[in-house]
Amino acid sequence: MDPFVREKDQKLLAWVGELADQIAPIGVQADRDGQFASKQIEILQQAGYTALTVPKEFGGHGATLYQMLLAQECLAEGDPSSALVLGWHLGITLSLHDTKAWPDELYADLCRKAVNGKALVNSCASEPITGSPSRGGRPSTTATPVEGGYRITGKKTWSTGSQMLSHIMVTAYIKDLDRIGEFLVLAGSPGLSIDETWDSIAMRGTGSHTLVLQDVFVPTERALDIVAVGQRTKRSSDGGGWMLHIPATYLGIANAARKYAINYAVTYAPNSLDKPISSVPHVRDKIGRMEVLRQTARTLLYDTARRYEEAQPDVRMQMRPDLGLAKYVATNAAVQIVDLAMRIVGGNSLLQTTPLERYYRDVRAGLHNPPMDDNTLHQLTERAIREAEK
């Protein structure tokens, strides 16, 4: 019995577990071929997974943050790449409901299409020059006011899910106003193209290519927010709890590695032993260390999610260091769990005939998803010092 799965969540997890099993073999082949996870995502769309966090009023499942994390952790055990793509979509859909950052009709349209398996949303803000927006750089992508809207030109890197995104949020600098705008670009817009730059060894199926915007027109009603440089957008007014989908996904990878290694340990008995290697002290020690890391990370993740759900909006904004801590602990624990799993299995863990070499590659990507470790440590340090100074 999983202590973090409440009775009301069991049906949800059973459903997601079936989906994870269905897409797992497709994901293995897609990873080997370096192909985008299009088949897996299509299966998930048809099954209604893209409607997981869509409010029930629009025909969705109305999943909470806590439930989304359970689902993402489970799905990532089957296919990490498609889980990460869907995590951004599910988290943003949930956040948009809480923040009311989009006009009602735009949000309703996204929800209706997600329910019908016709929508996939992500925010694409990283750039070749400025890097991740979490570092505070001003976008080099530009938005020029024209009659009826804006013309946007620039490039966005790390655009996860790029080939299947229907709704794309991009940030751009409006020089005439000295403001930064967030704009909704729809798939198929003239001037929008994909430069297939994604050649990562990790999360190969996420299709995190470069979006190229060349004089793309966005009407005024899809100018979502315009703020001063350094000012927070409406979409960030919830504190960003939805981004816990990231550590949940990487814990899913660690869970899969742990399961493989323990099953190996209890079944493999070399001819130098008269029993499986699970009886060997150093193997048992590694299993115990995996359990400590996993239990600690999951406890912090789900407790943080619970506290976030129960908090008022002003308190949620103050929880950014806690959210970063949950991500820090979970992603670093996931890396260590995969490493321990490989040490248990030994040299065979490097072979492509085992899944561990893929888990090893994929899990490391979590260290480079926001918030970065150094940012989290800085926030925690600043909070500790402020509290001491009071």
Protein backbone atom coordinates (compact mmCIF):
# COMPACT_ATOMS: atom_id res chain seq x y z
CA MET A 1 0.00 0.00 0.00
CA ASP A 2 1.42 3.37 -1.05
CA PRO A 3 1.07 5.70 1.98
CA PHE A 4 0.72 8.75 -0.25
CA VAL A 5 -2.19 7.38 -2.29
CA ARG A 6 -5.41 8.24 -0.52
CA GLU A 7 -8.49 6.08 -0.95
CA LYS A 8 -10.08 8.70 -3.22
CA ASP A 9 -7.00 8.60 -5.48
CA GLN A 10 -6.87 4.83 -6.04
CA LYS A 11 -9.12 4.78 -9.10
CA LEU A 12 -7.12 7.58 -10.70
CA LEU A 13 -3.82 5.77 -10.11
CA ALA A 14 -5.18 2.50 -11.48
CA TRP A 15 -6.16 4.31 -14.69
CA VAL A 16 -2.83 6.09 -15.04
CA GLY A 17 -0.97 2.86 -14.31
CA GLU A 18 -2.71 1.20 -17.25
CA LEU A 19 -1.75 4.12 -19.48
CA ALA A 20 1.85 3.95 -18.29
CA ASP A 21 2.01 0.24 -19.13
CA GLN A 22 0.52 0.94 -22.56
CA ILE A 23 3.00 3.62 -23.59
CA ALA A 24 6.11 2.10 -21.97
CA PRO A 25 7.25 -0.16 -24.86
CA ILE A 26 6.58 2.59 -27.40
CA GLY A 27 8.69 4.96 -25.33
CA VAL A 28 11.62 2.51 -25.24
CA GLN A 29 11.73 2.32 -29.03
CA ALA A 30 11.21 6.06 -29.48
CA ASP A 31 14.16 6.72 -27.17
CA ARG A 32 16.41 4.36 -29.09
CA ASP A 33 15.41 5.98 -32.37
CA GLY A 34 15.67 9.50 -30.97
CA GLN A 35 12.08 10.17 -31.98
CA PHE A 36 9.50 12.54 -30.50
CA ALA A 37 6.93 10.89 -28.23
CA SER A 38 4.07 11.61 -30.62
CA LYS A 39 2.51 8.14 -30.47
CA GLN A 40 2.51 8.10 -26.68
CA ILE A 41 1.02 11.59 -26.49
CA GLU A 42 -1.70 10.69 -28.97
CA ILE A 43 -2.63 7.71 -26.80
CA LEU A 44 -2.77 9.94 -23.73
CA GLN A 45 -4.85 12.54 -25.55
CA GLN A 46 -7.33 9.94 -26.76
CA ALA A 47 -7.60 8.50 -23.26
CA GLY A 48 -8.44 11.91 -21.82
CA TYR A 49 -5.24 12.40 -19.84
CA THR A 50 -4.79 15.93 -21.21
CA ALA A 51 -8.05 16.81 -19.43
CA LEU A 52 -6.76 15.67 -16.02
CA THR A 53 -6.49 19.19 -14.55
CA VAL A 54 -9.25 20.74 -16.66
CA PRO A 55 -12.04 21.90 -14.32
CA LYS A 56 -15.10 19.67 -14.20
CA GLU A 57 -17.26 22.54 -15.46
CA PHE A 58 -15.54 22.11 -18.85
CA GLY A 59 -15.78 18.32 -18.81
CA GLY A 60 -12.36 17.63 -17.30
CA HIS A 61 -11.33 15.50 -14.34
CA GLY A 62 -10.72 18.51 -12.09
CA ALA A 63 -7.61 16.97 -10.52
CA THR A 64 -5.91 18.86 -7.71
CA LEU A 65 -2.18 19.57 -7.55
CA TYR A 66 -1.67 16.59 -5.23
CA GLN A 67 -3.52 14.28 -7.61
CA MET A 68 -1.60 15.63 -10.60
CA LEU A 69 1.68 14.80 -8.88
CA LEU A 70 0.56 11.24 -8.12
CA ALA A 71 -0.46 10.80 -11.75
CA GLN A 72 2.76 12.26 -13.13
CA GLU A 73 4.94 10.12 -10.88
CA CYS A 74 3.07 7.05 -12.03
CA LEU A 75 3.10 7.97 -15.73
CA ALA A 76 6.84 8.69 -15.72
CA GLU A 77 7.52 5.10 -14.67
CA GLY A 78 6.16 4.13 -18.08
CA ASP A 79 7.65 6.83 -20.29
CA PRO A 80 9.55 9.79 -18.83
CA SER A 81 9.59 11.90 -22.00
CA SER A 82 5.86 11.91 -22.62
CA ALA A 83 5.26 12.44 -18.89
CA LEU A 84 7.40 15.58 -18.91
CA VAL A 85 5.58 16.94 -21.98
CA LEU A 86 2.21 16.32 -20.35
CA GLY A 87 3.41 17.70 -17.03
CA TRP A 88 3.89 21.17 -18.48
CA HIS A 89 0.45 21.05 -20.08
CA LEU A 90 -1.32 19.79 -16.96
CA GLY A 91 0.48 22.18 -14.62
CA ILE A 92 -0.16 25.24 -16.75
CA THR A 93 -3.82 24.31 -17.21
CA LEU A 94 -4.17 24.03 -13.43
CA SER A 95 -2.31 27.29 -12.82
CA LEU A 96 -4.38 29.22 -15.35
CA HIS A 97 -7.54 28.20 -13.49
CA ASP A 98 -6.12 29.42 -10.17
CA THR A 99 -4.62 32.69 -11.42
CA LYS A 100 -7.28 33.68 -13.97
CA ALA A 101 -4.35 34.92 -16.04
CA TRP A 102 -6.11 34.34 -19.36
CA PRO A 103 -9.34 35.93 -20.57
CA ASP A 104 -12.25 33.60 -19.79
CA GLU A 105 -12.97 32.71 -23.41
CA LEU A 106 -9.36 31.83 -24.21
CA TYR A 107 -9.15 29.57 -21.17
CA ALA A 108 -12.52 27.96 -21.91
CA ASP A 109 -11.39 27.25 -25.48
CA LEU A 110 -8.17 25.62 -24.24
CA CYS A 111 -10.13 23.46 -21.80
CA ARG A 112 -12.72 22.34 -24.34
CA LYS A 113 -10.01 21.37 -26.80
CA ALA A 114 -7.99 19.56 -24.13
CA VAL A 115 -11.06 17.50 -23.21
CA ASN A 116 -11.39 16.52 -26.88
CA GLY A 117 -7.70 15.68 -27.14
CA LYS A 118 -7.03 18.63 -29.43
CA ALA A 119 -4.94 20.91 -27.21
CA LEU A 120 -1.49 20.89 -25.69
CA VAL A 121 -0.13 24.03 -24.03
CA ASN A 122 3.32 25.10 -22.88
CA SER A 123 5.23 28.24 -22.06
CA CYS A 124 8.31 28.79 -24.22
CA ALA A 125 10.52 31.47 -22.73
CA SER A 126 14.16 30.27 -22.79
CA GLU A 127 16.36 31.76 -25.50
CA PRO A 128 19.82 31.16 -26.99
CA ILE A 129 21.14 34.47 -25.60
CA THR A 130 19.21 35.00 -22.36
CA GLY A 131 18.94 31.38 -21.24
CA SER A 132 16.23 30.43 -18.76
CA PRO A 133 13.84 33.22 -17.70
CA SER A 134 14.38 32.08 -14.11
CA ARG A 135 17.75 33.84 -14.33
CA GLY A 136 16.04 37.17 -14.93
CA GLY A 137 17.27 37.96 -18.43
CA ARG A 138 15.24 40.26 -20.66
CA PRO A 139 13.88 38.46 -23.75
CA SER A 140 15.73 39.13 -26.98
CA THR A 141 12.55 38.15 -28.81
CA THR A 142 10.76 41.36 -29.81
CA ALA A 143 7.10 42.33 -30.11
CA THR A 144 6.29 45.35 -32.28
CA PRO A 145 2.87 47.00 -31.90
CA VAL A 146 0.91 47.08 -35.16
CA GLU A 147 -2.71 47.70 -36.05
CA GLY A 148 -4.82 45.08 -34.26
CA GLY A 149 -1.99 43.47 -32.34
CA TYR A 150 1.73 42.72 -32.39
CA ARG A 151 4.39 41.27 -34.69
CA ILE A 152 6.75 38.90 -32.87
CA THR A 153 10.23 37.90 -34.00
CA GLY A 154 12.75 35.75 -32.17
CA LYS A 155 13.76 32.24 -31.11
CA LYS A 156 12.73 30.11 -28.13
CA THR A 157 14.83 27.15 -27.06
CA TRP A 158 13.98 24.14 -24.85
CA SER A 159 10.43 24.22 -26.24
CA THR A 160 9.22 20.93 -24.80
CA GLY A 161 6.55 19.24 -26.88
CA SER A 162 7.16 21.65 -29.76
CA GLN A 163 5.83 19.41 -32.54
CA MET A 164 2.40 18.93 -30.94
CA LEU A 165 1.82 22.19 -29.07
CA SER A 166 -1.43 23.89 -30.03
CA HIS A 167 -1.16 26.82 -27.60
CA ILE A 168 2.26 28.40 -27.11
CA MET A 169 2.95 31.18 -24.62
CA VAL A 170 5.98 33.26 -25.56
CA THR A 171 7.60 36.24 -23.90
CA ALA A 172 8.87 39.20 -25.90
CA TYR A 173 10.31 42.65 -25.27
CA ILE A 174 8.19 45.58 -26.44
CA LYS A 175 10.84 48.20 -27.12
CA ASP A 176 8.38 51.02 -27.79
CA LEU A 177 6.92 50.57 -24.28
CA ASP A 178 10.00 49.23 -22.46
CA ARG A 179 7.78 46.40 -21.30
CA ILE A 180 7.79 42.62 -21.45
CA GLY A 181 4.72 40.91 -22.86
CA GLU A 182 3.46 37.37 -22.72
CA PHE A 183 1.62 36.36 -25.87
CA LEU A 184 -0.41 33.36 -26.96
CA VAL A 185 0.72 32.00 -30.31
CA LEU A 186 -1.39 29.29 -31.90
CA ALA A 187 0.04 26.39 -33.87
CA GLY A 188 -0.01 27.00 -37.59
CA SER A 189 0.43 30.76 -37.29
CA PRO A 190 2.20 32.19 -40.37
CA GLY A 191 5.85 32.81 -39.60
CA LEU A 192 6.04 30.14 -36.87
CA SER A 193 8.41 27.22 -37.52
CA ILE A 194 10.47 24.61 -35.69
CA ASP A 195 14.23 24.29 -35.95
CA GLU A 196 14.94 20.68 -34.93
CA THR A 197 17.88 21.33 -32.62
CA TRP A 198 17.04 18.80 -29.89
CA ASP A 199 19.95 16.33 -29.75
CA SER A 200 20.04 15.70 -26.00
CA ILE A 201 21.08 12.36 -24.54
CA ALA A 202 18.34 12.79 -21.88
CA MET A 203 14.58 12.99 -22.37
CA ARG A 204 15.13 12.41 -26.08
CA GLY A 205 11.43 12.06 -26.80
CA THR A 206 10.37 15.49 -25.46
CA GLY A 207 10.95 17.25 -28.77
CA SER A 208 12.39 20.28 -26.99
CA HIS A 209 13.42 21.95 -30.23
CA THR A 210 13.83 25.65 -31.03
CA LEU A 211 10.76 27.66 -31.99
CA VAL A 212 11.43 30.28 -34.63
CA LEU A 213 9.07 33.26 -34.83
CA GLN A 214 9.47 35.44 -37.88
CA ASP A 215 7.09 38.38 -37.91
CA VAL A 216 4.31 36.29 -36.33
CA PHE A 217 1.12 38.30 -35.88
CA VAL A 218 -0.68 38.00 -32.55
CA PRO A 219 -3.98 39.88 -32.16
CA THR A 220 -4.50 42.16 -29.17
CA GLU A 221 -6.84 39.73 -27.44
CA ARG A 222 -3.99 37.21 -27.24
CA ALA A 223 -1.61 39.65 -25.58
CA LEU A 224 -1.98 37.93 -22.23
CA ASP A 225 0.02 40.25 -19.99
CA ILE A 226 2.29 43.26 -20.32
CA VAL A 227 4.53 44.16 -17.38
CA ALA A 228 7.52 46.29 -16.53
CA VAL A 229 10.93 44.62 -16.76
CA GLY A 230 11.40 42.61 -13.57
CA GLN A 231 7.71 42.70 -12.63
CA ARG A 232 5.79 39.48 -12.03
CA THR A 233 3.07 38.45 -14.46
CA LYS A 234 -0.47 37.45 -13.51
CA ARG A 235 0.47 33.85 -14.27
CA SER A 236 3.11 33.86 -11.54
CA SER A 237 0.70 35.11 -8.87
CA ASP A 238 0.05 31.59 -7.53
CA GLY A 239 3.61 31.02 -6.38
CA GLY A 240 4.28 28.32 -8.98
CA GLY A 241 3.14 25.25 -7.08
CA TRP A 242 2.16 23.61 -10.35
CA MET A 243 5.86 23.24 -11.21
CA LEU A 244 6.08 20.43 -8.70
CA HIS A 245 5.17 18.28 -11.69
CA ILE A 246 8.90 18.36 -12.44
CA PRO A 247 10.17 16.55 -9.32
CA ALA A 248 7.19 14.18 -9.49
CA THR A 249 8.25 13.13 -12.98
CA TYR A 250 11.87 12.49 -11.98
CA LEU A 251 10.80 10.54 -8.91
CA GLY A 252 8.83 8.37 -11.33
CA ILE A 253 12.06 7.57 -13.14
CA ALA A 254 13.73 6.73 -9.83
CA ASN A 255 10.80 4.49 -8.88
CA ALA A 256 11.24 2.52 -12.09
CA ALA A 257 14.99 2.13 -11.52
CA ARG A 258 14.43 1.07 -7.91
CA LYS A 259 11.85 -1.52 -8.92
CA TYR A 260 14.12 -2.98 -11.59
CA ALA A 261 17.12 -3.18 -9.26
CA ILE A 262 15.23 -4.80 -6.37
CA ASN A 263 13.61 -7.36 -8.68
CA TYR A 264 17.07 -8.11 -10.04
CA ALA A 265 18.49 -8.48 -6.55
CA VAL A 266 15.85 -10.96 -5.39
CA THR A 267 16.06 -13.13 -8.53
CA TYR A 268 19.75 -13.11 -9.55
CA ALA A 269 21.92 -15.73 -7.90
CA PRO A 270 25.43 -16.13 -9.37
CA ASN A 271 27.04 -19.56 -9.07
CA SER A 272 29.30 -18.17 -6.35
CA LEU A 273 26.27 -17.94 -4.05
CA ASP A 274 23.60 -20.38 -3.02
CA LYS A 275 20.99 -17.62 -2.75
CA PRO A 276 20.07 -14.35 -4.56
CA ILE A 277 22.28 -11.27 -4.16
CA SER A 278 19.57 -9.64 -2.04
CA SER A 279 21.21 -11.57 0.80
CA VAL A 280 24.58 -9.82 0.30
CA PRO A 281 25.21 -7.07 2.91
CA HIS A 282 26.44 -4.36 0.53
CA VAL A 283 23.46 -4.95 -1.79
CA ARG A 284 21.06 -4.75 1.15
CA ASP A 285 22.78 -1.54 2.24
CA LYS A 286 22.19 0.03 -1.19
CA ILE A 287 18.53 -1.00 -1.15
CA GLY A 288 18.15 0.57 2.28
CA ARG A 289 19.75 3.81 1.07
CA MET A 290 17.39 3.90 -1.90
CA GLU A 291 14.46 3.55 0.48
CA VAL A 292 15.69 6.43 2.66
CA LEU A 293 16.13 8.73 -0.33
CA ARG A 294 12.81 7.81 -1.90
CA GLN A 295 10.76 8.04 1.27
CA THR A 296 12.33 11.35 2.27
CA ALA A 297 11.78 12.90 -1.15
CA ARG A 298 8.19 11.72 -1.52
CA THR A 299 7.28 12.80 2.00
CA LEU A 300 8.57 16.30 1.37
CA LEU A 301 6.99 16.51 -2.10
CA TYR A 302 3.50 15.47 -1.08
CA ASP A 303 3.52 17.35 2.21
CA THR A 304 4.54 20.51 0.33
CA ALA A 305 1.75 19.94 -2.20
CA ARG A 306 -0.78 19.45 0.58
CA ARG A 307 0.31 22.61 2.40
CA TYR A 308 0.23 24.56 -0.86
CA GLU A 309 -3.31 23.42 -1.62
CA GLU A 310 -4.49 24.43 1.84
CA ALA A 311 -2.75 27.84 1.80
CA GLN A 312 -4.27 31.21 0.97
CA PRO A 313 -2.91 33.04 -2.12
CA ASP A 314 -0.62 35.35 -0.13
CA VAL A 315 0.87 32.37 1.73
CA ARG A 316 1.40 30.48 -1.51
CA MET A 317 3.59 33.31 -2.77
CA GLN A 318 5.72 32.96 0.36
CA MET A 319 6.17 29.23 -0.29
CA ARG A 320 8.59 29.62 -3.21
CA PRO A 321 11.59 28.50 -1.12
CA ASP A 322 9.61 25.46 0.07
CA LEU A 323 8.61 24.57 -3.48
CA GLY A 324 12.21 24.90 -4.59
CA LEU A 325 13.33 22.73 -1.69
CA ALA A 326 10.91 19.96 -2.67
CA LYS A 327 12.27 20.04 -6.20
CA TYR A 328 15.89 20.15 -4.99
CA VAL A 329 15.49 17.18 -2.66
CA ALA A 330 13.43 15.09 -5.07
CA THR A 331 15.54 15.52 -8.20
CA ASN A 332 18.84 15.01 -6.39
CA ALA A 333 17.41 11.97 -4.61
CA ALA A 334 16.21 10.59 -7.93
CA VAL A 335 19.71 10.87 -9.40
CA GLN A 336 21.17 9.06 -6.37
CA ILE A 337 18.51 6.33 -6.46
CA VAL A 338 19.25 5.56 -10.11
CA ASP A 339 22.97 5.47 -9.33
CA LEU A 340 22.42 3.03 -6.46
CA ALA A 341 20.19 0.88 -8.67
CA MET A 342 22.96 0.66 -11.24
CA ARG A 343 25.51 -0.28 -8.59
CA ILE A 344 23.23 -3.13 -7.48
CA VAL A 345 22.83 -4.46 -11.01
CA GLY A 346 26.50 -3.92 -11.88
CA GLY A 347 28.03 -3.63 -15.33
CA ASN A 348 24.89 -4.95 -17.02
CA SER A 349 23.18 -1.67 -16.07
CA LEU A 350 25.16 0.02 -18.86
CA LEU A 351 23.71 -2.22 -21.54
CA GLN A 352 20.83 -1.05 -23.71
CA THR A 353 19.14 -4.38 -23.05
CA THR A 354 18.37 -3.05 -19.57
CA PRO A 355 16.31 0.11 -18.92
CA LEU A 356 18.79 1.50 -16.40
CA GLU A 357 21.04 3.21 -18.93
CA ARG A 358 18.02 5.20 -20.13
CA TYR A 359 16.95 6.04 -16.59
CA TYR A 360 20.52 7.21 -15.94
CA ARG A 361 20.37 9.58 -18.92
CA ASP A 362 16.83 10.81 -18.34
CA VAL A 363 17.00 11.43 -14.60
CA ARG A 364 19.90 13.86 -14.91
CA ALA A 365 17.74 16.25 -16.91
CA GLY A 366 15.89 17.09 -13.69
CA LEU A 367 18.94 18.96 -12.43
CA HIS A 368 18.54 21.41 -15.30
CA ASN A 369 14.80 22.04 -14.96
CA PRO A 370 13.76 25.09 -12.94
CA PRO A 371 14.23 26.11 -10.25
CA MET A 372 17.97 25.45 -10.40
CA ASP A 373 19.72 24.18 -7.29
CA ASP A 374 21.71 27.36 -6.74
CA ASN A 375 18.57 29.50 -6.90
CA THR A 376 16.87 27.29 -4.33
CA LEU A 377 19.86 27.44 -1.99
CA HIS A 378 19.93 31.23 -2.37
CA GLN A 379 16.23 31.54 -1.50
CA LEU A 380 16.57 29.29 1.54
CA THR A 381 19.63 31.19 2.71
CA GLU A 382 17.93 34.57 2.30
CA ARG A 383 14.90 33.38 4.25
CA ALA A 384 17.02 32.01 7.08
CA ILE A 385 18.99 35.24 7.36
CA ARG A 386 15.83 37.39 7.32
CA GLU A 387 14.30 35.31 10.09
CA ALA A 388 17.48 35.60 12.15
CA GLU A 389 17.64 39.36 11.66
CA LYS A 390 14.11 39.78 12.99
